[in-house]
N, C-alpha and C. Protein backbone atom coordinates (compact mmCIF):
# COMPACT_ATOMS: atom_id res chain seq x y z
N MET A 1 0.75 -1.32 -0.25
CA MET A 1 0.19 0.10 0.18
C MET A 1 0.96 1.21 0.12
N LYS A 2 0.35 1.97 -1.01
CA LYS A 2 1.34 3.20 -1.18
C LYS A 2 1.13 4.46 0.46
N ASN A 3 2.48 4.88 0.57
CA ASN A 3 2.74 5.83 1.96
C ASN A 3 2.46 7.15 1.27
N LEU A 4 0.80 7.65 0.99
CA LEU A 4 0.94 8.88 0.55
C LEU A 4 1.18 10.13 1.65
N ARG A 5 0.88 9.51 2.71
CA ARG A 5 0.95 10.35 4.13
C ARG A 5 2.41 10.79 4.33
N LEU A 6 3.53 9.86 3.85
CA LEU A 6 4.73 9.95 4.13
C LEU A 6 5.15 11.03 2.98
N LYS A 7 5.01 10.79 1.46
CA LYS A 7 5.30 11.27 0.46
C LYS A 7 4.45 12.93 0.79
N SER A 8 3.57 13.00 1.21
CA SER A 8 2.66 14.30 1.31
C SER A 8 3.72 15.03 2.43
N ALA A 9 3.96 14.63 3.58
CA ALA A 9 5.04 15.25 4.85
C ALA A 9 6.07 15.56 4.21
N ARG A 10 6.88 14.94 3.27
CA ARG A 10 8.33 15.11 2.88
C ARG A 10 8.09 16.26 1.85
N ALA A 11 6.96 16.25 0.88
CA ALA A 11 6.97 17.49 0.18
C ALA A 11 6.31 19.04 0.86
N ALA A 12 5.65 18.92 2.11
CA ALA A 12 5.22 19.73 2.68
C ALA A 12 6.57 20.62 3.61
N LYS A 13 7.95 19.58 3.84
CA LYS A 13 8.81 20.11 4.33
C LYS A 13 9.81 20.58 3.22
N ASP A 14 9.30 20.63 2.03
CA ASP A 14 10.27 20.81 0.84
C ASP A 14 11.49 19.98 0.64
N LEU A 15 11.38 18.81 1.16
CA LEU A 15 12.26 17.83 0.82
C LEU A 15 12.59 16.56 -0.50
N SER A 16 13.65 16.35 -0.61
CA SER A 16 13.33 15.52 -1.77
C SER A 16 13.57 14.45 -1.00
N GLN A 17 13.34 13.04 -2.01
CA GLN A 17 13.74 11.98 -1.37
C GLN A 17 14.85 11.65 -0.93
N ALA A 18 15.77 11.94 -1.71
CA ALA A 18 17.24 12.37 -1.18
C ALA A 18 17.65 12.94 0.08
N ASP A 19 17.03 14.17 -0.08
CA ASP A 19 17.17 15.09 1.38
C ASP A 19 16.69 14.09 2.31
N LEU A 20 15.78 13.51 2.62
CA LEU A 20 15.36 12.70 3.85
C LEU A 20 15.69 11.45 3.75
N ALA A 21 16.50 10.78 2.62
CA ALA A 21 17.52 9.79 2.98
C ALA A 21 18.68 9.77 3.89
N ALA A 22 18.97 11.32 3.55
CA ALA A 22 20.36 11.56 3.98
C ALA A 22 20.08 11.96 5.52
N LEU A 23 19.22 12.52 5.85
CA LEU A 23 18.43 12.75 7.11
C LEU A 23 18.70 11.40 7.99
N CYS A 24 18.02 10.40 7.35
CA CYS A 24 17.67 8.95 8.10
C CYS A 24 18.80 8.27 7.73
N GLY A 25 19.85 8.28 6.94
CA GLY A 25 20.59 7.52 6.83
C GLY A 25 20.82 6.41 6.02
N VAL A 26 19.98 6.32 4.89
CA VAL A 26 19.33 5.35 4.45
C VAL A 26 19.53 6.08 2.82
N SER A 27 19.51 5.07 1.58
CA SER A 27 19.37 5.38 0.62
C SER A 27 18.02 6.00 -0.08
N ARG A 28 18.20 6.76 -1.21
CA ARG A 28 17.16 7.74 -1.66
C ARG A 28 15.93 6.14 -1.98
N GLN A 29 16.85 5.33 -2.66
CA GLN A 29 15.82 4.13 -3.07
C GLN A 29 14.90 3.52 -1.90
N THR A 30 15.33 3.59 -0.95
CA THR A 30 15.10 3.16 0.34
C THR A 30 13.51 4.10 0.66
N ILE A 31 13.59 5.30 0.77
CA ILE A 31 12.57 6.40 1.10
C ILE A 31 11.43 6.14 -0.51
N ASN A 32 11.91 5.94 -1.70
CA ASN A 32 11.11 5.57 -2.64
C ASN A 32 10.51 4.61 -2.47
N ALA A 33 10.98 3.44 -1.97
CA ALA A 33 10.13 1.98 -1.78
C ALA A 33 9.06 2.18 -1.08
N ILE A 34 9.54 2.73 0.51
CA ILE A 34 8.68 2.80 1.33
C ILE A 34 7.61 3.99 0.92
N GLU A 35 7.55 5.03 -0.01
CA GLU A 35 6.59 5.94 -0.37
C GLU A 35 5.63 4.96 -1.56
N LYS A 36 6.37 3.95 -2.05
CA LYS A 36 5.47 3.08 -3.21
C LYS A 36 4.83 2.09 -2.32
N GLY A 37 5.11 1.66 -1.29
CA GLY A 37 4.60 0.28 -0.39
C GLY A 37 5.35 -0.80 -0.92
N ASP A 38 6.83 -0.74 -1.18
CA ASP A 38 7.53 -1.99 -1.76
C ASP A 38 8.55 -2.34 -0.60
N TYR A 39 8.40 -1.56 0.49
CA TYR A 39 9.33 -1.82 1.64
C TYR A 39 8.67 -1.41 2.98
N ASN A 40 8.71 -2.38 3.76
CA ASN A 40 8.38 -2.12 4.97
C ASN A 40 9.27 -2.04 5.91
N PRO A 41 9.52 -0.50 6.55
CA PRO A 41 10.54 -0.04 7.33
C PRO A 41 10.46 -0.81 8.70
N THR A 42 11.74 -0.78 9.16
CA THR A 42 11.97 -1.18 10.76
C THR A 42 11.34 -0.01 11.61
N ILE A 43 11.03 -0.52 12.80
CA ILE A 43 10.51 0.69 13.82
C ILE A 43 11.39 2.00 14.00
N ASN A 44 12.89 1.33 13.88
CA ASN A 44 13.85 2.32 14.12
C ASN A 44 13.84 3.45 12.87
N LEU A 45 13.40 2.83 11.78
CA LEU A 45 13.81 3.72 10.36
C LEU A 45 12.43 4.68 10.29
N CYS A 46 11.44 3.75 10.68
CA CYS A 46 10.14 4.70 11.05
C CYS A 46 10.30 5.89 11.95
N ILE A 47 10.76 5.73 13.04
CA ILE A 47 10.93 7.06 14.17
C ILE A 47 12.31 7.77 13.67
N SER A 48 12.86 7.64 13.06
CA SER A 48 14.03 8.43 12.34
C SER A 48 13.36 9.31 11.25
N ILE A 49 12.58 8.79 10.56
CA ILE A 49 11.81 9.45 9.37
C ILE A 49 10.61 10.58 10.17
N CYS A 50 10.07 10.08 10.88
CA CYS A 50 8.89 10.97 11.72
C CYS A 50 9.56 11.95 12.57
N LYS A 51 10.97 11.88 13.05
CA LYS A 51 11.64 12.65 13.83
C LYS A 51 12.12 13.90 12.49
N ALA A 52 12.62 13.30 11.63
CA ALA A 52 12.73 14.36 10.32
C ALA A 52 11.94 14.88 9.94
N LEU A 53 10.51 14.58 9.66
CA LEU A 53 9.45 15.17 9.07
C LEU A 53 8.42 15.73 10.69
N ASP A 54 9.17 15.73 11.90
CA ASP A 54 8.24 16.82 12.87
C ASP A 54 6.61 15.76 12.84
N LYS A 55 6.79 14.69 12.38
CA LYS A 55 5.51 13.65 12.48
C LYS A 55 5.60 12.81 13.51
N THR A 56 4.35 12.11 13.87
CA THR A 56 4.23 10.97 14.94
C THR A 56 4.17 9.91 14.27
N LEU A 57 4.49 8.55 14.55
CA LEU A 57 4.13 7.37 13.87
C LEU A 57 2.89 7.30 13.52
N ASP A 58 1.70 7.63 14.07
CA ASP A 58 0.53 7.22 13.82
C ASP A 58 -0.03 8.16 12.72
N GLU A 59 0.74 9.55 12.34
CA GLU A 59 0.23 10.43 11.33
C GLU A 59 0.73 9.98 10.06
N LEU A 60 2.14 9.05 10.11
CA LEU A 60 2.86 8.76 9.03
C LEU A 60 2.62 6.94 8.61
N PHE A 61 2.30 6.08 9.86
CA PHE A 61 2.61 5.06 9.47
C PHE A 61 1.25 3.98 9.70
N TRP A 62 0.13 4.69 10.42
CA TRP A 62 -0.93 3.62 11.35
C TRP A 62 -1.85 3.72 10.01
N GLU A 63 -2.32 2.52 9.81
CA GLU A 63 -3.44 2.41 8.57
C GLU A 63 -4.61 2.86 9.49
N GLU A 64 -5.37 3.50 8.71
CA GLU A 64 -6.80 3.80 9.05
C GLU A 64 -7.78 2.74 9.04
C-alpha cells in the first residue's frame, strides 16, 4: 500500500527523497520503496523518518 502521507509530509517540508534519505541515513531508493509500498521499514527507521518530518508514527504509518 502506497504511503501517500509520508510523501505529502516530505513535500510539505520541501525535502526530496534524497534529502530525507540523508537525514535518516538510508538510500534514496529506500525512501522511494517505502513511499511506493514496496518496503516495510524497521521501527527504528520509522522513528527516524518521523523525527526528520516532525510527525508521529500514527500520522505517517498507522493504517486507518
